[in-house]
Structures are given as structure tokens and as C-alpha cells.
């Protein structure tokens, strides 16, 4: 089956560059990407596993104080309104 897709210039250039680097045709690359996205099941992977693969887990380094937010608010209010 044949399908026509209009790509933005930046995507077209990225595709061409990738094809040159990997020595694959545009059709091969597009088919692989669509199979990865639509056909191959994600069996055995939890939402956490998928988030790690996508780079969402571990991408933020905070102070670690978010867990005791309520306590920090209580402390701040009490300090402001001492009796």
C-alpha cells in the first residue's frame, strides 16, 4: 500500500541525514518507526518502565523536600503568626 506524507523541511532534512548515516532508505526508516510505535506490543513494560525509557524519570534533580510540603507550610505559618 502506498501512502503520501508531507513532511516539514526540518523533519525531511533530519530523515535524509539519518538515512545517510544508517545507509537505509526513507521507506525502511519510516516503516521501522511506525512498527515501533504502532505494531510492536509493549508487553511486560510498566508505565514506569516506559517513562524511564522516554527520559521522564530521573530528568529532574530537586532538593527532595517536596514530600514534606504540608509540614513546611505549617511551620512557615506558625513562624509568621506567633502568639
N, C-alpha and C. Protein backbone atom coordinates (compact mmCIF):
# COMPACT_ATOMS: atom_id res chain seq x y z
N UNK A 1 0.84 -1.17 0.00
CA UNK A 1 0.00 0.00 0.00
C UNK A 1 0.88 1.24 0.00
N UNK A 2 0.48 2.21 -0.72
CA UNK A 2 1.25 3.45 -0.83
C UNK A 2 0.55 4.56 -0.06
N UNK A 3 1.33 5.34 0.66
CA UNK A 3 0.82 6.47 1.43
C UNK A 3 1.73 7.66 1.20
N UNK A 4 1.16 8.82 1.04
CA UNK A 4 1.94 10.03 0.83
C UNK A 4 1.83 10.90 2.07
N UNK A 5 2.97 11.40 2.53
CA UNK A 5 3.00 12.25 3.71
C UNK A 5 3.84 13.48 3.40
N UNK A 6 3.33 14.64 3.75
CA UNK A 6 4.10 15.87 3.57
C UNK A 6 4.83 16.17 4.88
N UNK A 7 6.14 16.24 4.79
CA UNK A 7 6.95 16.48 5.97
C UNK A 7 7.42 17.93 5.99
N UNK A 8 7.49 18.52 7.17
CA UNK A 8 8.09 19.84 7.28
C UNK A 8 9.56 19.75 6.87
N UNK A 9 10.12 20.83 6.36
CA UNK A 9 11.53 20.79 5.91
C UNK A 9 12.51 20.28 6.96
N UNK A 10 12.32 20.67 8.21
CA UNK A 10 13.28 20.23 9.26
C UNK A 10 13.20 18.72 9.46
N UNK A 11 12.00 18.15 9.37
CA UNK A 11 11.84 16.71 9.54
C UNK A 11 12.42 15.98 8.32
N UNK A 12 12.17 16.52 7.14
CA UNK A 12 12.71 15.94 5.92
C UNK A 12 14.23 15.90 5.97
N UNK A 13 14.84 17.01 6.42
CA UNK A 13 16.31 17.06 6.50
C UNK A 13 16.84 16.08 7.53
N UNK A 14 16.16 15.97 8.66
CA UNK A 14 16.58 15.01 9.68
C UNK A 14 16.47 13.58 9.16
N UNK A 15 15.41 13.30 8.42
CA UNK A 15 15.23 11.97 7.83
C UNK A 15 16.32 11.66 6.82
N UNK A 16 16.63 12.62 5.97
CA UNK A 16 17.68 12.42 4.97
C UNK A 16 19.02 12.18 5.65
N UNK A 17 19.33 12.97 6.66
CA UNK A 17 20.60 12.80 7.38
C UNK A 17 20.68 11.42 8.04
N UNK A 18 19.58 11.01 8.66
CA UNK A 18 19.55 9.71 9.32
C UNK A 18 19.73 8.58 8.31
N UNK A 19 19.08 8.72 7.16
CA UNK A 19 19.19 7.69 6.11
C UNK A 19 20.62 7.57 5.60
N UNK A 20 21.30 8.70 5.46
CA UNK A 20 22.69 8.67 5.01
C UNK A 20 23.57 8.00 6.06
N UNK A 21 23.37 8.35 7.34
CA UNK A 21 24.17 7.77 8.42
C UNK A 21 23.98 6.27 8.56
N UNK A 22 22.73 5.82 8.42
CA UNK A 22 22.43 4.41 8.66
C UNK A 22 22.41 3.57 7.38
N UNK A 23 22.55 4.25 6.25
CA UNK A 23 22.52 3.59 4.94
C UNK A 23 21.23 2.81 4.73
N UNK A 24 20.12 3.47 5.08
CA UNK A 24 18.80 2.89 4.89
C UNK A 24 17.99 3.83 4.00
N UNK A 25 16.98 3.28 3.36
CA UNK A 25 16.09 4.11 2.55
C UNK A 25 15.09 4.82 3.46
N UNK A 26 14.47 5.86 2.92
CA UNK A 26 13.45 6.56 3.68
C UNK A 26 12.32 5.61 4.05
N UNK A 27 11.94 4.77 3.10
CA UNK A 27 10.85 3.82 3.36
C UNK A 27 11.20 2.88 4.50
N UNK A 28 12.42 2.37 4.52
CA UNK A 28 12.82 1.45 5.59
C UNK A 28 12.74 2.13 6.96
N UNK A 29 13.23 3.36 7.03
CA UNK A 29 13.24 4.08 8.30
C UNK A 29 11.81 4.37 8.76
N UNK A 30 10.98 4.84 7.85
CA UNK A 30 9.60 5.16 8.21
C UNK A 30 8.84 3.92 8.65
N UNK A 31 9.03 2.81 7.95
CA UNK A 31 8.36 1.57 8.33
C UNK A 31 8.82 1.12 9.71
N UNK A 32 10.12 1.17 9.98
CA UNK A 32 10.63 0.78 11.30
C UNK A 32 10.03 1.64 12.40
N UNK A 33 9.98 2.95 12.18
CA UNK A 33 9.45 3.85 13.19
C UNK A 33 7.96 3.60 13.43
N UNK A 34 7.20 3.38 12.37
CA UNK A 34 5.78 3.11 12.53
C UNK A 34 5.55 1.77 13.22
N UNK A 35 6.35 0.77 12.89
CA UNK A 35 6.22 -0.52 13.57
C UNK A 35 6.53 -0.39 15.05
N UNK A 36 7.59 0.34 15.38
CA UNK A 36 7.93 0.55 16.79
C UNK A 36 6.79 1.23 17.54
N UNK A 37 6.18 2.19 16.89
CA UNK A 37 5.14 2.98 17.53
C UNK A 37 3.78 2.29 17.56
N UNK A 38 3.43 1.61 16.48
CA UNK A 38 2.06 1.12 16.35
C UNK A 38 1.88 -0.39 16.42
N UNK A 39 2.87 -1.14 16.00
CA UNK A 39 2.67 -2.58 15.83
C UNK A 39 3.25 -3.38 16.98
N UNK A 40 4.49 -3.13 17.34
CA UNK A 40 5.15 -3.93 18.37
C UNK A 40 4.53 -3.66 19.73
N UNK A 41 4.09 -4.70 20.41
CA UNK A 41 3.46 -4.51 21.71
C UNK A 41 4.49 -4.11 22.77
N UNK A 42 4.00 -3.47 23.80
CA UNK A 42 4.86 -3.08 24.92
C UNK A 42 4.63 -4.02 26.09
N UNK A 43 4.41 -5.29 25.78
CA UNK A 43 4.15 -6.28 26.81
C UNK A 43 5.30 -6.35 27.81
N UNK A 44 4.93 -6.52 29.06
CA UNK A 44 5.94 -6.68 30.10
C UNK A 44 6.51 -5.36 30.59
N UNK A 45 6.08 -4.26 30.00
CA UNK A 45 6.61 -2.97 30.43
C UNK A 45 5.53 -2.22 31.20
N UNK A 46 5.91 -1.76 32.36
CA UNK A 46 5.01 -0.97 33.18
C UNK A 46 5.06 0.49 32.72
N UNK A 47 4.10 1.29 33.12
CA UNK A 47 4.17 2.71 32.81
C UNK A 47 5.47 3.34 33.32
N UNK A 48 5.96 2.86 34.46
CA UNK A 48 7.23 3.36 34.99
C UNK A 48 8.37 3.05 34.03
N UNK A 49 8.43 1.80 33.51
CA UNK A 49 9.47 1.42 32.56
C UNK A 49 9.43 2.30 31.31
N UNK A 50 8.23 2.56 30.82
CA UNK A 50 8.08 3.40 29.63
C UNK A 50 8.52 4.84 29.92
N UNK A 51 8.21 5.33 31.11
CA UNK A 51 8.61 6.69 31.47
C UNK A 51 10.13 6.80 31.59
N UNK A 52 10.78 5.76 32.11
CA UNK A 52 12.24 5.75 32.20
C UNK A 52 12.85 5.77 30.81
N UNK A 53 12.32 4.94 29.90
CA UNK A 53 12.82 4.90 28.53
C UNK A 53 12.66 6.24 27.83
N UNK A 54 11.55 6.91 28.11
CA UNK A 54 11.27 8.20 27.46
C UNK A 54 12.09 9.33 28.08
N UNK A 55 12.73 9.07 29.22
CA UNK A 55 13.56 10.08 29.85
C UNK A 55 12.83 10.97 30.84
N UNK A 56 11.59 10.59 31.20
CA UNK A 56 10.85 11.39 32.15
C UNK A 56 11.26 11.13 33.59
N UNK A 57 11.73 9.95 33.88
CA UNK A 57 12.15 9.60 35.23
C UNK A 57 13.65 9.85 35.32
N UNK A 58 14.03 10.60 36.35
CA UNK A 58 15.44 10.89 36.54
C UNK A 58 15.91 12.13 35.80
N UNK A 59 14.97 12.87 35.20
CA UNK A 59 15.37 14.05 34.45
C UNK A 59 15.37 15.30 35.30
N UNK A 60 14.92 15.22 36.54
CA UNK A 60 14.84 16.38 37.42
C UNK A 60 15.57 16.08 38.71
N UNK A 61 16.41 17.00 39.08
CA UNK A 61 17.10 16.85 40.36
C UNK A 61 16.63 17.97 41.27
N UNK A 62 15.88 17.62 42.27
CA UNK A 62 15.36 18.63 43.19
C UNK A 62 16.01 18.51 44.55
N UNK A 63 15.46 19.25 45.50
CA UNK A 63 16.01 19.24 46.84
C UNK A 63 15.51 18.06 47.65
N UNK A 64 14.47 17.39 47.17
CA UNK A 64 13.92 16.26 47.91
C UNK A 64 12.98 16.68 49.01
N UNK A 65 12.61 17.95 49.05
CA UNK A 65 11.75 18.45 50.11
C UNK A 65 10.28 18.43 49.72
N UNK A 66 9.94 17.98 48.55
CA UNK A 66 8.56 18.03 48.11
C UNK A 66 7.65 17.12 48.92
N UNK A 67 8.18 16.08 49.51
CA UNK A 67 7.38 15.13 50.27
C UNK A 67 6.83 15.68 51.57
N UNK A 68 7.49 16.67 52.14
CA UNK A 68 7.03 17.22 53.42
C UNK A 68 6.51 18.64 53.23
N UNK A 69 5.82 18.88 52.15
CA UNK A 69 5.30 20.21 51.82
C UNK A 69 4.36 20.73 52.89
N UNK A 70 3.43 19.90 53.32
CA UNK A 70 2.45 20.35 54.31
C UNK A 70 3.12 20.77 55.61
N UNK A 71 4.11 20.03 56.03
CA UNK A 71 4.83 20.37 57.26
C UNK A 71 5.56 21.70 57.12
N UNK A 72 6.17 21.93 55.97
CA UNK A 72 6.88 23.19 55.76
C UNK A 72 5.92 24.37 55.75
N UNK A 73 4.72 24.18 55.17
CA UNK A 73 3.72 25.25 55.17
C UNK A 73 3.26 25.53 56.59
N UNK A 74 2.97 24.49 57.36
CA UNK A 74 2.55 24.68 58.75
C UNK A 74 3.61 25.44 59.54
N UNK A 75 4.85 25.04 59.37
CA UNK A 75 5.95 25.68 60.09
C UNK A 75 6.06 27.16 59.71
N UNK A 76 5.94 27.44 58.43
CA UNK A 76 6.05 28.83 57.96
C UNK A 76 4.91 29.69 58.50
N UNK A 77 3.69 29.12 58.52
CA UNK A 77 2.53 29.88 59.04
C UNK A 77 2.68 30.11 60.53
N UNK A 78 3.09 29.10 61.25
CA UNK A 78 3.27 29.25 62.71
C UNK A 78 4.35 30.27 63.02
N UNK A 79 5.42 30.29 62.23
CA UNK A 79 6.50 31.26 62.47
C UNK A 79 6.02 32.68 62.19
N UNK A 80 5.16 32.82 61.22
CA UNK A 80 4.67 34.15 60.85
C UNK A 80 3.67 34.67 61.87
N UNK A 81 2.87 33.78 62.43
CA UNK A 81 1.79 34.18 63.34
C UNK A 81 2.02 33.63 64.74
N UNK A 82 3.18 33.96 65.32
CA UNK A 82 3.46 33.50 66.68
C UNK A 82 2.55 34.21 67.67
N UNK A 83 2.09 33.45 68.67
CA UNK A 83 1.23 34.03 69.70
C UNK A 83 1.98 34.30 70.94
